C-alpha atoms as a PDB file:
ATOM      1  CA  UNK A   1     -68.240-146.126 -54.787  1.00  0.00           C
ATOM      2  CA  UNK A   2     -71.101-143.932 -53.609  1.00  0.00           C
ATOM      3  CA  UNK A   3     -74.370-144.770 -55.332  1.00  0.00           C
ATOM      4  CA  UNK A   4     -76.516-142.125 -56.987  1.00  0.00           C
ATOM      5  CA  UNK A   5     -79.291-142.759 -54.455  1.00  0.00           C
ATOM      6  CA  UNK A   6     -76.909-142.239 -51.520  1.00  0.00           C
ATOM      7  CA  UNK A   7     -75.535-139.028 -52.996  1.00  0.00           C
ATOM      8  CA  UNK A   8     -79.037-137.669 -53.583  1.00  0.00           C
ATOM      9  CA  UNK A   9     -79.943-138.381 -49.957  1.00  0.00           C
ATOM     10  CA  UNK A  10     -76.773-136.632 -48.787  1.00  0.00           C
ATOM     11  CA  UNK A  11     -77.386-133.582 -50.974  1.00  0.00           C
ATOM     12  CA  UNK A  12     -80.998-133.356 -49.780  1.00  0.00           C
ATOM     13  CA  UNK A  13     -79.884-133.495 -46.140  1.00  0.00           C
ATOM     14  CA  UNK A  14     -77.193-130.870 -46.746  1.00  0.00           C
ATOM     15  CA  UNK A  15     -79.727-128.581 -48.402  1.00  0.00           C
ATOM     16  CA  UNK A  16     -82.106-128.956 -45.450  1.00  0.00           C
ATOM     17  CA  UNK A  17     -79.230-128.351 -43.029  1.00  0.00           C
ATOM     18  CA  UNK A  18     -78.141-125.234 -44.909  1.00  0.00           C
ATOM     19  CA  UNK A  19     -81.624-123.721 -44.989  1.00  0.00           C
ATOM     20  CA  UNK A  20     -82.217-124.480 -41.308  1.00  0.00           C
ATOM     21  CA  UNK A  21     -78.817-123.105 -40.242  1.00  0.00           C
ATOM     22  CA  UNK A  22     -79.314-119.928 -42.283  1.00  0.00           C
ATOM     23  CA  UNK A  23     -82.827-119.216 -41.022  1.00  0.00           C
ATOM     24  CA  UNK A  24     -81.933-119.917 -37.403  1.00  0.00           C
ATOM     25  CA  UNK A  25     -78.621-118.011 -37.764  1.00  0.00           C
ATOM     26  CA  UNK A  26     -76.680-120.966 -36.412  1.00  0.00           C
ATOM     27  CA  UNK A  27     -73.923-120.517 -39.001  1.00  0.00           C
ATOM     28  CA  UNK A  28     -72.941-117.646 -41.247  1.00  0.00           C
ATOM     29  CA  UNK A  29     -72.661-118.146 -45.017  1.00  0.00           C
ATOM     30  CA  UNK A  30     -68.994-119.161 -44.922  1.00  0.00           C
ATOM     31  CA  UNK A  31     -69.695-121.547 -42.066  1.00  0.00           C
ATOM     32  CA  UNK A  32     -72.526-123.185 -44.006  1.00  0.00           C
ATOM     33  CA  UNK A  33     -70.341-123.646 -47.088  1.00  0.00           C
ATOM     34  CA  UNK A  34     -67.494-125.176 -45.075  1.00  0.00           C
ATOM     35  CA  UNK A  35     -69.894-127.440 -43.152  1.00  0.00           C
ATOM     36  CA  UNK A  36     -71.308-128.686 -46.460  1.00  0.00           C
ATOM     37  CA  UNK A  37     -67.820-129.289 -47.827  1.00  0.00           C
ATOM     38  CA  UNK A  38     -66.905-131.275 -44.717  1.00  0.00           C
ATOM     39  CA  UNK A  39     -70.083-133.335 -45.024  1.00  0.00           C
ATOM     40  CA  UNK A  40     -69.345-134.188 -48.652  1.00  0.00           C
ATOM     41  CA  UNK A  41     -65.699-134.965 -47.876  1.00  0.00           C
ATOM     42  CA  UNK A  42     -66.802-137.322 -45.095  1.00  0.00           C
ATOM     43  CA  UNK A  43     -69.172-138.999 -47.532  1.00  0.00           C
ATOM     44  CA  UNK A  44     -66.357-139.613 -50.012  1.00  0.00           C
ATOM     45  CA  UNK A  45     -63.717-140.854 -47.557  1.00  0.00           C
ATOM     46  CA  UNK A  46     -63.157-143.780 -45.238  1.00  0.00           C
ATOM     47  CA  UNK A  47     -64.361-147.399 -45.169  1.00  0.00           C
ATOM     48  CA  UNK A  48     -67.927-146.497 -44.111  1.00  0.00           C
ATOM     49  CA  UNK A  49     -68.705-143.376 -46.103  1.00  0.00           C
ATOM     50  CA  UNK A  50     -72.394-143.011 -45.302  1.00  0.00           C
ATOM     51  CA  UNK A  51     -71.780-143.651 -41.610  1.00  0.00           C
ATOM     52  CA  UNK A  52     -69.017-141.034 -41.598  1.00  0.00           C
ATOM     53  CA  UNK A  53     -71.396-138.519 -43.112  1.00  0.00           C
ATOM     54  CA  UNK A  54     -74.061-139.177 -40.501  1.00  0.00           C
ATOM     55  CA  UNK A  55     -71.485-138.869 -37.704  1.00  0.00           C
ATOM     56  CA  UNK A  56     -70.688-135.364 -38.981  1.00  0.00           C
ATOM     57  CA  UNK A  57     -74.403-134.540 -39.226  1.00  0.00           C
ATOM     58  CA  UNK A  58     -75.046-135.757 -35.680  1.00  0.00           C
ATOM     59  CA  UNK A  59     -72.113-133.700 -34.406  1.00  0.00           C
ATOM     60  CA  UNK A  60     -73.467-130.505 -35.949  1.00  0.00           C
ATOM     61  CA  UNK A  61     -77.036-131.169 -34.806  1.00  0.00           C
ATOM     62  CA  UNK A  62     -76.190-131.932 -31.183  1.00  0.00           C
ATOM     63  CA  UNK A  63     -73.629-129.119 -30.988  1.00  0.00           C
ATOM     64  CA  UNK A  64     -76.014-126.512 -32.372  1.00  0.00           C
ATOM     65  CA  UNK A  65     -78.914-127.680 -30.202  1.00  0.00           C
ATOM     66  CA  UNK A  66     -76.713-127.371 -27.130  1.00  0.00           C
ATOM     67  CA  UNK A  67     -75.366-124.004 -28.243  1.00  0.00           C
ATOM     68  CA  UNK A  68     -78.838-122.563 -28.721  1.00  0.00           C
ATOM     69  CA  UNK A  69     -80.490-123.948 -25.629  1.00  0.00           C
ATOM     70  CA  UNK A  70     -82.954-121.503 -24.006  1.00  0.00           C
ATOM     71  CA  UNK A  71     -81.561-118.863 -21.602  1.00  0.00           C
ATOM     72  CA  UNK A  72     -78.272-118.590 -23.458  1.00  0.00           C
ATOM     73  CA  UNK A  73     -77.818-116.391 -26.497  1.00  0.00           C
ATOM     74  CA  UNK A  74     -75.268-117.709 -28.942  1.00  0.00           C
ATOM     75  CA  UNK A  75     -73.318-115.833 -31.611  1.00  0.00           C
ATOM     76  CA  UNK A  76     -73.570-117.072 -35.195  1.00  0.00           C
ATOM     77  CA  UNK A  77     -70.764-119.547 -35.833  1.00  0.00           C
ATOM     78  CA  UNK A  78     -68.386-119.012 -38.738  1.00  0.00           C
ATOM     79  CA  UNK A  79     -65.613-120.677 -40.640  1.00  0.00           C
ATOM     80  CA  UNK A  80     -63.155-120.538 -37.719  1.00  0.00           C
ATOM     81  CA  UNK A  81     -65.498-122.475 -35.432  1.00  0.00           C
ATOM     82  CA  UNK A  82     -66.094-125.142 -38.056  1.00  0.00           C
ATOM     83  CA  UNK A  83     -62.445-125.553 -39.037  1.00  0.00           C
ATOM     84  CA  UNK A  84     -61.186-125.658 -35.456  1.00  0.00           C
ATOM     85  CA  UNK A  85     -63.573-128.447 -34.514  1.00  0.00           C
ATOM     86  CA  UNK A  86     -63.838-130.472 -37.711  1.00  0.00           C
ATOM     87  CA  UNK A  87     -60.491-130.258 -39.528  1.00  0.00           C
ATOM     88  CA  UNK A  88     -58.718-132.970 -37.454  1.00  0.00           C
ATOM     89  CA  UNK A  89     -61.562-135.406 -38.184  1.00  0.00           C
ATOM     90  CA  UNK A  90     -61.318-134.642 -41.885  1.00  0.00           C
ATOM     91  CA  UNK A  91     -57.539-135.135 -41.860  1.00  0.00           C
ATOM     92  CA  UNK A  92     -57.988-138.587 -40.315  1.00  0.00           C
ATOM     93  CA  UNK A  93     -60.434-139.578 -43.063  1.00  0.00           C
ATOM     94  CA  UNK A  94     -57.983-138.477 -45.748  1.00  0.00           C
ATOM     95  CA  UNK A  95     -55.321-140.582 -44.037  1.00  0.00           C
ATOM     96  CA  UNK A  96     -57.385-143.672 -44.869  1.00  0.00           C
ATOM     97  CA  UNK A  97     -56.466-142.963 -48.503  1.00  0.00           C
ATOM     98  CA  UNK A  98     -52.802-142.285 -47.800  1.00  0.00           C
ATOM     99  CA  UNK A  99     -52.398-145.378 -45.580  1.00  0.00           C
ATOM    100  CA  UNK A 100     -54.865-147.894 -47.112  1.00  0.00           C
ATOM    101  CA  UNK A 101     -53.213-150.812 -45.314  1.00  0.00           C
ATOM    102  CA  UNK A 102     -54.926-149.838 -42.024  1.00  0.00           C
ATOM    103  CA  UNK A 103     -58.014-147.742 -42.795  1.00  0.00           C
ATOM    104  CA  UNK A 104     -59.934-148.871 -39.707  1.00  0.00           C
ATOM    105  CA  UNK A 105     -57.326-147.322 -37.394  1.00  0.00           C
ATOM    106  CA  UNK A 106     -57.652-143.938 -39.074  1.00  0.00           C
ATOM    107  CA  UNK A 107     -61.421-144.244 -39.151  1.00  0.00           C
ATOM    108  CA  UNK A 108     -61.263-144.864 -35.397  1.00  0.00           C
ATOM    109  CA  UNK A 109     -59.166-141.678 -35.165  1.00  0.00           C
ATOM    110  CA  UNK A 110     -61.911-139.882 -37.103  1.00  0.00           C
ATOM    111  CA  UNK A 111     -64.432-141.008 -34.503  1.00  0.00           C
ATOM    112  CA  UNK A 112     -62.022-139.947 -31.757  1.00  0.00           C
ATOM    113  CA  UNK A 113     -61.705-136.477 -33.267  1.00  0.00           C
ATOM    114  CA  UNK A 114     -65.470-136.024 -33.560  1.00  0.00           C
ATOM    115  CA  UNK A 115     -65.918-137.376 -30.038  1.00  0.00           C
ATOM    116  CA  UNK A 116     -63.443-134.797 -28.693  1.00  0.00           C
ATOM    117  CA  UNK A 117     -65.018-131.944 -30.672  1.00  0.00           C
ATOM    118  CA  UNK A 118     -68.539-132.782 -29.531  1.00  0.00           C
ATOM    119  CA  UNK A 119     -67.465-133.464 -25.950  1.00  0.00           C
ATOM    120  CA  UNK A 120     -65.710-130.099 -25.757  1.00  0.00           C
ATOM    121  CA  UNK A 121     -68.687-128.264 -27.240  1.00  0.00           C
ATOM    122  CA  UNK A 122     -71.094-129.853 -24.768  1.00  0.00           C
ATOM    123  CA  UNK A 123     -68.718-129.269 -21.856  1.00  0.00           C
ATOM    124  CA  UNK A 124     -68.703-125.551 -22.642  1.00  0.00           C
ATOM    125  CA  UNK A 125     -72.348-125.094 -23.569  1.00  0.00           C
ATOM    126  CA  UNK A 126     -73.920-127.330 -20.914  1.00  0.00           C
ATOM    127  CA  UNK A 127     -71.348-126.397 -18.273  1.00  0.00           C
ATOM    128  CA  UNK A 128     -72.601-122.812 -18.612  1.00  0.00           C
ATOM    129  CA  UNK A 129     -75.664-123.875 -16.597  1.00  0.00           C
ATOM    130  CA  UNK A 130     -73.679-125.267 -13.675  1.00  0.00           C
ATOM    131  CA  UNK A 131     -74.885-123.926 -10.341  1.00  0.00           C
ATOM    132  CA  UNK A 132     -71.374-124.269  -8.952  1.00  0.00           C
ATOM    133  CA  UNK A 133     -68.494-122.054 -10.027  1.00  0.00           C
ATOM    134  CA  UNK A 134     -65.954-123.677 -12.351  1.00  0.00           C
ATOM    135  CA  UNK A 135     -62.445-124.464 -11.181  1.00  0.00           C
ATOM    136  CA  UNK A 136     -59.278-123.843 -13.171  1.00  0.00           C
ATOM    137  CA  UNK A 137     -57.994-127.100 -14.642  1.00  0.00           C
ATOM    138  CA  UNK A 138     -54.391-126.286 -13.717  1.00  0.00           C
ATOM    139  CA  UNK A 139     -54.957-125.256 -10.081  1.00  0.00           C
ATOM    140  CA  UNK A 140     -58.482-126.444  -9.188  1.00  0.00           C
ATOM    141  CA  UNK A 141     -59.143-122.999  -7.706  1.00  0.00           C
ATOM    142  CA  UNK A 142     -62.547-121.431  -8.286  1.00  0.00           C
ATOM    143  CA  UNK A 143     -62.839-119.011 -11.210  1.00  0.00           C
ATOM    144  CA  UNK A 144     -65.647-117.010 -12.774  1.00  0.00           C
ATOM    145  CA  UNK A 145     -67.845-118.731 -15.403  1.00  0.00           C
ATOM    146  CA  UNK A 146     -66.574-118.291 -18.938  1.00  0.00           C
ATOM    147  CA  UNK A 147     -62.887-118.134 -18.020  1.00  0.00           C
ATOM    148  CA  UNK A 148     -60.678-120.132 -20.399  1.00  0.00           C
ATOM    149  CA  UNK A 149     -59.542-123.314 -18.684  1.00  0.00           C
ATOM    150  CA  UNK A 150     -62.436-123.446 -16.234  1.00  0.00           C
ATOM    151  CA  UNK A 151     -64.152-126.822 -15.812  1.00  0.00           C
ATOM    152  CA  UNK A 152     -67.260-128.005 -13.969  1.00  0.00           C
ATOM    153  CA  UNK A 153     -68.682-131.369 -12.952  1.00  0.00           C
ATOM    154  CA  UNK A 154     -71.714-130.648 -15.129  1.00  0.00           C
ATOM    155  CA  UNK A 155     -69.472-129.815 -18.073  1.00  0.00           C
ATOM    156  CA  UNK A 156     -67.384-132.953 -17.631  1.00  0.00           C
ATOM    157  CA  UNK A 157     -70.577-135.017 -17.450  1.00  0.00           C
ATOM    158  CA  UNK A 158     -71.797-133.415 -20.663  1.00  0.00           C
ATOM    159  CA  UNK A 159     -68.433-134.191 -22.280  1.00  0.00           C
ATOM    160  CA  UNK A 160     -68.861-137.837 -21.304  1.00  0.00           C
ATOM    161  CA  UNK A 161     -72.337-137.847 -22.859  1.00  0.00           C
ATOM    162  CA  UNK A 162     -70.958-136.363 -26.080  1.00  0.00           C
ATOM    163  CA  UNK A 163     -68.227-138.976 -26.326  1.00  0.00           C
ATOM    164  CA  UNK A 164     -70.747-141.691 -25.514  1.00  0.00           C
ATOM    165  CA  UNK A 165     -73.066-140.661 -28.338  1.00  0.00           C
ATOM    166  CA  UNK A 166     -70.278-140.927 -30.925  1.00  0.00           C
ATOM    167  CA  UNK A 167     -68.976-144.182 -29.407  1.00  0.00           C
ATOM    168  CA  UNK A 168     -72.433-145.728 -29.750  1.00  0.00           C
ATOM    169  CA  UNK A 169     -72.396-145.121 -33.502  1.00  0.00           C
ATOM    170  CA  UNK A 170     -69.021-146.847 -33.845  1.00  0.00           C
ATOM    171  CA  UNK A 171     -70.217-149.757 -31.694  1.00  0.00           C
ATOM    172  CA  UNK A 172     -73.309-150.129 -33.906  1.00  0.00           C
ATOM    173  CA  UNK A 173     -71.002-150.491 -36.920  1.00  0.00           C
ATOM    174  CA  UNK A 174     -68.295-152.761 -35.474  1.00  0.00           C
ATOM    175  CA  UNK A 175     -69.580-154.257 -32.182  1.00  0.00           C
ATOM    176  CA  UNK A 176     -66.175-153.679 -30.597  1.00  0.00           C
ATOM    177  CA  UNK A 177     -66.656-152.881 -26.917  1.00  0.00           C
ATOM    178  CA  UNK A 178     -62.998-151.961 -26.377  1.00  0.00           C
ATOM    179  CA  UNK A 179     -63.043-149.353 -29.143  1.00  0.00           C
ATOM    180  CA  UNK A 180     -66.343-148.124 -27.749  1.00  0.00           C
ATOM    181  CA  UNK A 181     -64.533-147.108 -24.563  1.00  0.00           C
ATOM    182  CA  UNK A 182     -61.559-145.749 -26.531  1.00  0.00           C
ATOM    183  CA  UNK A 183     -63.840-143.269 -28.300  1.00  0.00           C
ATOM    184  CA  UNK A 184     -65.391-142.157 -25.010  1.00  0.00           C
ATOM    185  CA  UNK A 185     -61.897-141.720 -23.574  1.00  0.00           C
ATOM    186  CA  UNK A 186     -60.858-139.730 -26.657  1.00  0.00           C
ATOM    187  CA  UNK A 187     -63.754-137.348 -26.048  1.00  0.00           C
ATOM    188  CA  UNK A 188     -62.881-136.746 -22.412  1.00  0.00           C
ATOM    189  CA  UNK A 189     -59.148-136.529 -23.142  1.00  0.00           C
ATOM    190  CA  UNK A 190     -59.596-134.046 -25.983  1.00  0.00           C
ATOM    191  CA  UNK A 191     -61.943-131.895 -23.915  1.00  0.00           C
ATOM    192  CA  UNK A 192     -59.463-131.556 -21.076  1.00  0.00           C
ATOM    193  CA  UNK A 193     -56.513-130.955 -23.394  1.00  0.00           C
ATOM    194  CA  UNK A 194     -58.606-128.128 -24.860  1.00  0.00           C
ATOM    195  CA  UNK A 195     -59.173-126.743 -21.355  1.00  0.00           C
ATOM    196  CA  UNK A 196     -55.479-127.129 -20.495  1.00  0.00           C
ATOM    197  CA  UNK A 197     -54.363-125.151 -23.546  1.00  0.00           C
ATOM    198  CA  UNK A 198     -57.114-122.639 -22.882  1.00  0.00           C
ATOM    199  CA  UNK A 199     -55.791-122.114 -19.366  1.00  0.00           C
ATOM    200  CA  UNK A 200     -52.116-121.931 -20.267  1.00  0.00           C
ATOM    201  CA  UNK A 201     -51.997-120.326 -23.726  1.00  0.00           C
ATOM    202  CA  UNK A 202     -55.376-118.889 -24.743  1.00  0.00           C
ATOM    203  CA  UNK A 203     -55.706-116.824 -21.556  1.00  0.00           C
ATOM    204  CA  UNK A 204     -52.301-115.289 -22.306  1.00  0.00           C
ATOM    205  CA  UNK A 205     -53.404-114.498 -25.897  1.00  0.00           C
ATOM    206  CA  UNK A 206     -50.628-116.680 -27.301  1.00  0.00           C
ATOM    207  CA  UNK A 207     -53.090-118.717 -29.375  1.00  0.00           C
ATOM    208  CA  UNK A 208     -56.756-118.241 -30.225  1.00  0.00           C
ATOM    209  CA  UNK A 209     -59.849-120.320 -29.636  1.00  0.00           C
ATOM    210  CA  UNK A 210     -59.744-121.879 -33.117  1.00  0.00           C
ATOM    211  CA  UNK A 211     -56.255-123.247 -32.468  1.00  0.00           C
ATOM    212  CA  UNK A 212     -57.251-124.503 -29.018  1.00  0.00           C
ATOM    213  CA  UNK A 213     -60.262-126.311 -30.482  1.00  0.00           C
ATOM    214  CA  UNK A 214     -58.071-127.818 -33.192  1.00  0.00           C
ATOM    215  CA  UNK A 215     -55.558-129.084 -30.610  1.00  0.00           C
ATOM    216  CA  UNK A 216     -58.295-130.581 -28.456  1.00  0.00           C
ATOM    217  CA  UNK A 217     -59.935-132.395 -31.360  1.00  0.00           C
ATOM    218  CA  UNK A 218     -56.576-133.548 -32.716  1.00  0.00           C
ATOM    219  CA  UNK A 219     -55.645-134.892 -29.275  1.00  0.00           C
ATOM    220  CA  UNK A 220     -58.737-137.086 -29.255  1.00  0.00           C
ATOM    221  CA  UNK A 221     -57.911-138.283 -32.767  1.00  0.00           C
ATOM    222  CA  UNK A 222     -54.301-139.157 -31.911  1.00  0.00           C
ATOM    223  CA  UNK A 223     -55.296-141.012 -28.751  1.00  0.00           C
ATOM    224  CA  UNK A 224     -57.760-143.143 -30.716  1.00  0.00           C
ATOM    225  CA  UNK A 225     -55.243-143.599 -33.526  1.00  0.00           C
ATOM    226  CA  UNK A 226     -52.648-144.934 -31.107  1.00  0.00           C
ATOM    227  CA  UNK A 227     -55.042-147.591 -29.869  1.00  0.00           C
ATOM    228  CA  UNK A 228     -56.162-148.332 -33.403  1.00  0.00           C
ATOM    229  CA  UNK A 229     -52.676-148.842 -34.797  1.00  0.00           C
ATOM    230  CA  UNK A 230     -51.763-151.069 -31.869  1.00  0.00           C
ATOM    231  CA  UNK A 231     -54.869-153.228 -31.839  1.00  0.00           C
ATOM    232  CA  UNK A 232     -56.615-153.178 -35.225  1.00  0.00           C
END
């Protein structure tokens, strides 16, 4: 059960997050409401509720800082951005209730999903500053910056850093070095699955960016889940 003190801390943090996001125009009103709902859901699900909440908070903070770095103007994010990135992580937390016999595996999948979502966000936002042109993930031929499916060394490095930051939180909780690397791998894997679907389907207007983000994050979750079910 969540204590009253813990819930008050969570609500205070969500209020501060909402005010900051609104004033800085990081999220629109719908985006703020959904982000708050995801934060509360994370707090109420999984074996380590408070840790899950802070993982979600860290994801939003790092992602928004990267998205609003100087020299790059960013559009206000809405409900589609939030759902595409965060829904797979939330699904994995709910699975801890449906399959209580192995909650740690699904919690690992939650970390994998967040790792993939953050890694992909950083790959896009930080990769924007690459001095070298991106290459298409399917052909490795140079393309213009901003083209769906384009990747850069800087972006891939940023993706690694994003996965690493989430993996460090899991390692702090469980001291499992193998799962530490699984979460990093989930971040990199999910990022490149996102780029692959962006190159093959999003460019052809078959699916949109929200769906591509969802697939990328879900890919990271499923990779981590596979390891978790096999080894935990």
